[in-house]
PDB file of N, CA and C in Angstrom:
ATOM      1  N   MET A   1      71.380  65.506  99.644  1.00  0.00           N
ATOM      2  CA  MET A   1      71.674  65.026  98.070  1.00  0.00           C
ATOM      3  C   MET A   1      70.768  66.017  97.402  1.00  0.00           C
ATOM      4  N   THR A   2      72.229  66.481  96.335  1.00  0.00           N
ATOM      5  CA  THR A   2      71.597  67.319  95.205  1.00  0.00           C
ATOM      6  C   THR A   2      70.586  66.882  94.510  1.00  0.00           C
ATOM      7  N   ASP A   3      69.782  67.825  93.445  1.00  0.00           N
ATOM      8  CA  ASP A   3      69.020  67.181  92.350  1.00  0.00           C
ATOM      9  C   ASP A   3      69.986  66.511  91.572  1.00  0.00           C
ATOM     10  N   TYR A   4      71.101  66.643  90.911  1.00  0.00           N
ATOM     11  CA  TYR A   4      71.987  66.245  90.150  1.00  0.00           C
ATOM     12  C   TYR A   4      72.573  64.990  90.605  1.00  0.00           C
ATOM     13  N   GLU A   5      72.964  64.891  91.972  1.00  0.00           N
ATOM     14  CA  GLU A   5      73.481  63.312  92.446  1.00  0.00           C
ATOM     15  C   GLU A   5      72.299  62.585  92.599  1.00  0.00           C
ATOM     16  N   GLU A   6      70.961  63.052  92.726  1.00  0.00           N
ATOM     17  CA  GLU A   6      70.131  62.025  92.949  1.00  0.00           C
ATOM     18  C   GLU A   6      70.095  61.519  91.501  1.00  0.00           C
ATOM     19  N   LYS A   7      69.900  62.470  90.320  1.00  0.00           N
ATOM     20  CA  LYS A   7      69.433  61.836  88.913  1.00  0.00           C
ATOM     21  C   LYS A   7      70.782  60.974  88.621  1.00  0.00           C
ATOM     22  N   TYR A   8      72.086  61.397  88.981  1.00  0.00           N
ATOM     23  CA  TYR A   8      73.097  60.688  88.649  1.00  0.00           C
ATOM     24  C   TYR A   8      72.758  59.034  89.163  1.00  0.00           C
ATOM     25  N   ASP A   9      72.586  59.116  90.685  1.00  0.00           N
ATOM     26  CA  ASP A   9      72.617  57.962  91.062  1.00  0.00           C
ATOM     27  C   ASP A   9      71.351  56.972  90.059  1.00  0.00           C
ATOM     28  N   GLN A  10      70.197  57.365  89.748  1.00  0.00           N
ATOM     29  CA  GLN A  10      69.138  56.909  89.037  1.00  0.00           C
ATOM     30  C   GLN A  10      69.869  56.462  88.269  1.00  0.00           C
ATOM     31  N   ALA A  11      70.620  57.353  87.297  1.00  0.00           N
ATOM     32  CA  ALA A  11      71.265  57.079  85.718  1.00  0.00           C
ATOM     33  C   ALA A  11      72.080  55.789  85.798  1.00  0.00           C
ATOM     34  N   ARG A  12      72.714  55.784  86.864  1.00  0.00           N
ATOM     35  CA  ARG A  12      74.095  54.948  87.342  1.00  0.00           C
ATOM     36  C   ARG A  12      73.108  53.696  87.663  1.00  0.00           C
ATOM     37  N   ALA A  13      71.990  53.797  88.401  1.00  0.00           N
ATOM     38  CA  ALA A  13      71.425  52.620  88.724  1.00  0.00           C
ATOM     39  C   ALA A  13      70.682  51.649  87.477  1.00  0.00           C
ATOM     40  N   PHE A  14      70.215  52.205  86.651  1.00  0.00           N
ATOM     41  CA  PHE A  14      69.312  52.098  85.584  1.00  0.00           C
ATOM     42  C   PHE A  14      70.352  51.303  84.635  1.00  0.00           C
ATOM     43  N   LEU A  15      71.487  52.130  84.173  1.00  0.00           N
ATOM     44  CA  LEU A  15      72.442  51.547  83.355  1.00  0.00           C
ATOM     45  C   LEU A  15      73.253  50.304  83.777  1.00  0.00           C
ATOM     46  N   GLN A  16      73.427  50.266  85.227  1.00  0.00           N
ATOM     47  CA  GLN A  16      73.852  48.823  85.769  1.00  0.00           C
ATOM     48  C   GLN A  16      72.979  47.869  85.600  1.00  0.00           C
ATOM     49  N   GLU A  17      71.744  47.957  85.894  1.00  0.00           N
ATOM     50  CA  GLU A  17      70.511  47.168  85.537  1.00  0.00           C
ATOM     51  C   GLU A  17      70.627  46.471  84.104  1.00  0.00           C
ATOM     52  N   TRP A  18      70.809  47.507  83.265  1.00  0.00           N
ATOM     53  CA  TRP A  18      70.885  46.989  81.782  1.00  0.00           C
ATOM     54  C   TRP A  18      71.966  45.987  81.472  1.00  0.00           C
ATOM     55  N   LEU A  19      73.294  46.663  82.496  1.00  0.00           N
ATOM     56  CA  LEU A  19      74.657  45.582  82.031  1.00  0.00           C
ATOM     57  C   LEU A  19      74.664  44.738  82.470  1.00  0.00           C
ATOM     58  N   ASP A  20      73.523  44.271  83.331  1.00  0.00           N
ATOM     59  CA  ASP A  20      73.609  43.106  84.304  1.00  0.00           C
ATOM     60  C   ASP A  20      72.674  42.110  83.302  1.00  0.00           C
ATOM     61  N   GLN A  21      71.894  42.629  82.426  1.00  0.00           N
ATOM     62  CA  GLN A  21      70.787  41.598  81.587  1.00  0.00           C
ATOM     63  C   GLN A  21      71.760  40.501  80.763  1.00  0.00           C
ATOM     64  N   GLN A  22      71.260  39.579  80.579  1.00  0.00           N
ATOM     65  CA  GLN A  22      71.727  38.695  79.561  1.00  0.00           C
ATOM     66  C   GLN A  22      70.819  38.398  78.418  1.00  0.00           C
ATOM     67  N   GLY A  23      71.348  37.694  77.327  1.00  0.00           N
ATOM     68  CA  GLY A  23      70.786  37.371  75.972  1.00  0.00           C
ATOM     69  C   GLY A  23      70.003  38.475  75.116  1.00  0.00           C
ATOM     70  N   HIS A  24      68.899  38.089  75.063  1.00  0.00           N
ATOM     71  CA  HIS A  24      68.258  39.055  73.926  1.00  0.00           C
ATOM     72  C   HIS A  24      67.578  40.139  74.630  1.00  0.00           C
ATOM     73  N   ASP A  25      67.567  40.333  75.838  1.00  0.00           N
ATOM     74  CA  ASP A  25      67.443  41.379  76.663  1.00  0.00           C
ATOM     75  C   ASP A  25      68.295  42.578  76.452  1.00  0.00           C
ATOM     76  N   ARG A  26      69.253  42.064  75.843  1.00  0.00           N
ATOM     77  CA  ARG A  26      70.403  43.580  75.599  1.00  0.00           C
ATOM     78  C   ARG A  26      70.472  43.686  74.222  1.00  0.00           C
ATOM     79  N   CYS A  27      69.774  43.576  73.252  1.00  0.00           N
ATOM     80  CA  CYS A  27      69.680  43.971  72.057  1.00  0.00           C
ATOM     81  C   CYS A  27      69.955  44.926  71.641  1.00  0.00           C
ATOM     82  N   TRP A  28      70.430  45.883  70.569  1.00  0.00           N
ATOM     83  CA  TRP A  28      70.891  46.731  70.218  1.00  0.00           C
ATOM     84  C   TRP A  28      69.988  47.694  70.269  1.00  0.00           C
ATOM     85  N   TYR A  29      69.072  47.120  70.007  1.00  0.00           N
ATOM     86  CA  TYR A  29      67.547  48.569  70.263  1.00  0.00           C
ATOM     87  C   TYR A  29      67.071  48.397  71.728  1.00  0.00           C
ATOM     88  N   TYR A  30      67.020  49.359  72.462  1.00  0.00           N
ATOM     89  CA  TYR A  30      66.581  49.461  73.776  1.00  0.00           C
ATOM     90  C   TYR A  30      66.094  50.507  74.036  1.00  0.00           C
ATOM     91  N   PRO A  31      64.924  51.049  73.491  1.00  0.00           N
ATOM     92  CA  PRO A  31      64.239  52.533  73.653  1.00  0.00           C
ATOM     93  C   PRO A  31      63.913  52.538  74.992  1.00  0.00           C
ATOM     94  N   ASP A  32      63.713  51.688  76.239  1.00  0.00           N
ATOM     95  CA  ASP A  32      63.331  52.063  77.580  1.00  0.00           C
ATOM     96  C   ASP A  32      64.675  52.576  78.315  1.00  0.00           C
ATOM     97  N   LEU A  33      66.125  52.099  77.752  1.00  0.00           N
ATOM     98  CA  LEU A  33      67.149  52.669  78.234  1.00  0.00           C
ATOM     99  C   LEU A  33      66.805  54.165  78.097  1.00  0.00           C
ATOM    100  N   PHE A  34      66.911  54.767  76.846  1.00  0.00           N
ATOM    101  CA  PHE A  34      67.172  55.749  76.656  1.00  0.00           C
ATOM    102  C   PHE A  34      65.341  56.915  76.926  1.00  0.00           C
ATOM    103  N   ARG A  35      64.432  56.380  76.975  1.00  0.00           N
ATOM    104  CA  ARG A  35      63.389  57.010  77.628  1.00  0.00           C
ATOM    105  C   ARG A  35      63.677  57.139  79.050  1.00  0.00           C
ATOM    106  N   LYS A  36      63.991  56.133  79.784  1.00  0.00           N
ATOM    107  CA  LYS A  36      64.174  56.415  81.377  1.00  0.00           C
ATOM    108  C   LYS A  36      65.130  57.517  81.397  1.00  0.00           C
ATOM    109  N   LEU A  37      66.101  57.190  80.698  1.00  0.00           N
ATOM    110  CA  LEU A  37      67.516  58.614  80.778  1.00  0.00           C
ATOM    111  C   LEU A  37      66.961  59.664  80.681  1.00  0.00           C
ATOM    112  N   VAL A  38      66.339  59.895  79.441  1.00  0.00           N
ATOM    113  CA  VAL A  38      65.513  61.186  78.872  1.00  0.00           C
ATOM    114  C   VAL A  38      64.522  61.873  80.514  1.00  0.00           C
ATOM    115  N   GLY A  39      63.994  61.159  80.710  1.00  0.00           N
ATOM    116  CA  GLY A  39      62.825  61.119  81.962  1.00  0.00           C
ATOM    117  C   GLY A  39      63.603  61.513  83.393  1.00  0.00           C
ATOM    118  N   ILE A  40      64.926  60.865  83.691  1.00  0.00           N
ATOM    119  CA  ILE A  40      65.773  61.483  84.847  1.00  0.00           C
ATOM    120  C   ILE A  40      66.482  62.855  84.123  1.00  0.00           C
ATOM    121  N   TYR A  41      66.766  63.120  83.290  1.00  0.00           N
ATOM    122  CA  TYR A  41      67.583  64.386  83.024  1.00  0.00           C
ATOM    123  C   TYR A  41      66.672  65.469  82.253  1.00  0.00           C
ATOM    124  N   GLU A  42      65.431  64.968  82.086  1.00  0.00           N
ATOM    125  CA  GLU A  42      63.946  66.251  81.911  1.00  0.00           C
ATOM    126  C   GLU A  42      64.412  66.446  80.508  1.00  0.00           C
ATOM    127  N   ILE A  43      64.941  65.622  79.706  1.00  0.00           N
ATOM    128  CA  ILE A  43      65.141  66.184  77.897  1.00  0.00           C
ATOM    129  C   ILE A  43      63.904  66.005  77.153  1.00  0.00           C
ATOM    130  N   VAL A  44      64.079  66.610  76.280  1.00  0.00           N
ATOM    131  CA  VAL A  44      62.889  66.841  75.349  1.00  0.00           C
ATOM    132  C   VAL A  44      63.504  66.443  74.255  1.00  0.00           C
ATOM    133  N   PRO A  45      63.185  64.946  73.693  1.00  0.00           N
ATOM    134  CA  PRO A  45      63.423  64.420  72.274  1.00  0.00           C
ATOM    135  C   PRO A  45      62.829  65.364  70.911  1.00  0.00           C
ATOM    136  N   ALA A  46      63.542  65.314  70.517  1.00  0.00           N
ATOM    137  CA  ALA A  46      62.824  65.788  69.106  1.00  0.00           C
ATOM    138  C   ALA A  46      62.134  64.722  68.190  1.00  0.00           C
ATOM    139  N   LEU A  47      62.624  63.255  68.223  1.00  0.00           N
ATOM    140  CA  LEU A  47      61.899  62.480  67.841  1.00  0.00           C
ATOM    141  C   LEU A  47      61.787  61.151  68.801  1.00  0.00           C
ATOM    142  N   GLU A  48      60.382  60.589  69.118  1.00  0.00           N
ATOM    143  CA  GLU A  48      60.506  59.267  69.840  1.00  0.00           C
ATOM    144  C   GLU A  48      60.939  58.016  68.877  1.00  0.00           C
ATOM    145  N   PRO A  49      62.250  57.571  69.096  1.00  0.00           N
ATOM    146  CA  PRO A  49      62.690  56.510  68.725  1.00  0.00           C
ATOM    147  C   PRO A  49      61.631  55.558  68.305  1.00  0.00           C
ATOM    148  N   GLU A  50      61.635  54.940  66.841  1.00  0.00           N
ATOM    149  CA  GLU A  50      60.840  53.823  66.615  1.00  0.00           C
ATOM    150  C   GLU A  50      61.617  52.693  66.192  1.00  0.00           C
ATOM    151  N   LEU A  51      60.803  51.547  66.519  1.00  0.00           N
ATOM    152  CA  LEU A  51      61.159  49.912  65.926  1.00  0.00           C
ATOM    153  C   LEU A  51      61.499  50.080  64.669  1.00  0.00           C
ATOM    154  N   PRO A  52      62.506  49.676  64.117  1.00  0.00           N
ATOM    155  CA  PRO A  52      63.172  49.792  62.559  1.00  0.00           C
ATOM    156  C   PRO A  52      62.207  48.566  61.986  1.00  0.00           C
ATOM    157  N   PRO A  53      62.070  48.440  60.632  1.00  0.00           N
ATOM    158  CA  PRO A  53      61.826  47.029  59.920  1.00  0.00           C
ATOM    159  C   PRO A  53      62.604  46.056  60.677  1.00  0.00           C
ATOM    160  N   LEU A  54      61.544  44.670  60.520  1.00  0.00           N
ATOM    161  CA  LEU A  54      62.042  43.672  60.915  1.00  0.00           C
ATOM    162  C   LEU A  54      63.407  43.540  60.368  1.00  0.00           C
ATOM    163  N   GLU A  55      63.741  42.896  59.114  1.00  0.00           N
ATOM    164  CA  GLU A  55      64.911  42.868  58.551  1.00  0.00           C
ATOM    165  C   GLU A  55      66.079  43.676  58.949  1.00  0.00           C
ATOM    166  N   GLU A  56      65.993  45.068  59.313  1.00  0.00           N
ATOM    167  CA  GLU A  56      66.777  45.731  59.644  1.00  0.00           C
ATOM    168  C   GLU A  56      67.339  45.380  61.238  1.00  0.00           C
ATOM    169  N   PHE A  57      66.125  45.160  61.587  1.00  0.00           N
ATOM    170  CA  PHE A  57      66.311  44.878  63.043  1.00  0.00           C
ATOM    171  C   PHE A  57      66.841  43.577  63.618  1.00  0.00           C
ATOM    172  N   LYS A  58      66.871  42.293  62.559  1.00  0.00           N
ATOM    173  CA  LYS A  58      67.656  41.369  62.681  1.00  0.00           C
ATOM    174  C   LYS A  58      68.763  41.693  62.259  1.00  0.00           C
ATOM    175  N   LYS A  59      69.114  42.157  61.012  1.00  0.00           N
ATOM    176  CA  LYS A  59      70.454  42.798  61.112  1.00  0.00           C
ATOM    177  C   LYS A  59      71.228  43.641  61.701  1.00  0.00           C
ATOM    178  N   GLY A  60      70.764  44.423  62.465  1.00  0.00           N
ATOM    179  CA  GLY A  60      71.320  44.924  63.617  1.00  0.00           C
ATOM    180  C   GLY A  60      71.686  44.025  65.130  1.00  0.00           C
ATOM    181  N   CYS A  61      70.481  43.241  65.194  1.00  0.00           N
ATOM    182  CA  CYS A  61      71.183  42.201  66.446  1.00  0.00           C
ATOM    183  C   CYS A  61      72.088  41.209  65.700  1.00  0.00           C
ATOM    184  N   GLU A  62      72.426  40.661  65.014  1.00  0.00           N
ATOM    185  CA  GLU A  62      73.250  40.086  64.145  1.00  0.00           C
ATOM    186  C   GLU A  62      74.713  40.732  64.214  1.00  0.00           C
ATOM    187  N   ARG A  63      74.615  41.899  63.833  1.00  0.00           N
ATOM    188  CA  ARG A  63      75.715  42.878  63.945  1.00  0.00           C
ATOM    189  C   ARG A  63      76.293  42.864  65.252  1.00  0.00           C
ATOM    190  N   TYR A  64      74.894  43.364  66.376  1.00  0.00           N
ATOM    191  CA  TYR A  64      75.492  43.414  67.855  1.00  0.00           C
ATOM    192  C   TYR A  64      76.233  42.342  68.308  1.00  0.00           C
ATOM    193  N   GLN A  65      75.614  40.894  67.729  1.00  0.00           N
ATOM    194  CA  GLN A  65      76.277  39.754  68.432  1.00  0.00           C
ATOM    195  C   GLN A  65      77.497  39.281  67.932  1.00  0.00           C
ATOM    196  N   ARG A  66      78.012  39.435  66.821  1.00  0.00           N
ATOM    197  CA  ARG A  66      79.003  39.712  66.216  1.00  0.00           C
ATOM    198  C   ARG A  66      79.956  40.276  66.867  1.00  0.00           C
ATOM    199  N   GLU A  67      79.863  41.749  66.881  1.00  0.00           N
ATOM    200  CA  GLU A  67      80.932  42.503  67.914  1.00  0.00           C
ATOM    201  C   GLU A  67      80.879  42.244  69.551  1.00  0.00           C
ATOM    202  N   GLU A  68      79.907  41.644  69.800  1.00  0.00           N
ATOM    203  CA  GLU A  68      80.375  40.835  70.826  1.00  0.00           C
ATOM    204  C   GLU A  68      81.111  39.837  71.250  1.00  0.00           C
ATOM    205  N   TYR A  69      80.919  38.912  70.673  1.00  0.00           N
ATOM    206  CA  TYR A  69      81.744  37.721  70.596  1.00  0.00           C
ATOM    207  C   TYR A  69      83.025  38.241  69.883  1.00  0.00           C
ATOM    208  N   GLU A  70      83.009  39.027  69.061  1.00  0.00           N
ATOM    209  CA  GLU A  70      84.726  39.283  68.656  1.00  0.00           C
ATOM    210  C   GLU A  70      85.374  40.191  69.845  1.00  0.00           C
ATOM    211  N   GLN A  71      84.955  40.566  70.982  1.00  0.00           N
ATOM    212  CA  GLN A  71      85.471  41.176  71.769  1.00  0.00           C
ATOM    213  C   GLN A  71      85.771  40.034  72.855  1.00  0.00           C
ATOM    214  N   SER A  72      85.092  39.206  73.338  1.00  0.00           N
ATOM    215  CA  SER A  72      85.130  38.220  74.216  1.00  0.00           C
ATOM    216  C   SER A  72      86.204  37.395  73.770  1.00  0.00           C
TER     217      SER A  72
END
């Protein structure tokens, strides 16, 4: 297996794990997803994502829920 194939398989498995999560575990702010992908592909991020202020976070979660419910 090539290095590319191994990284692809790791990324695919992690994304599948994320997709299989339910409820609040899939809220719009999910830094572990990006950290793991950055690690797999050895990308150096310009900035580490930071948790937004609480009100902004809540609004983002509400927007995420609305969009998800509208699609289903």
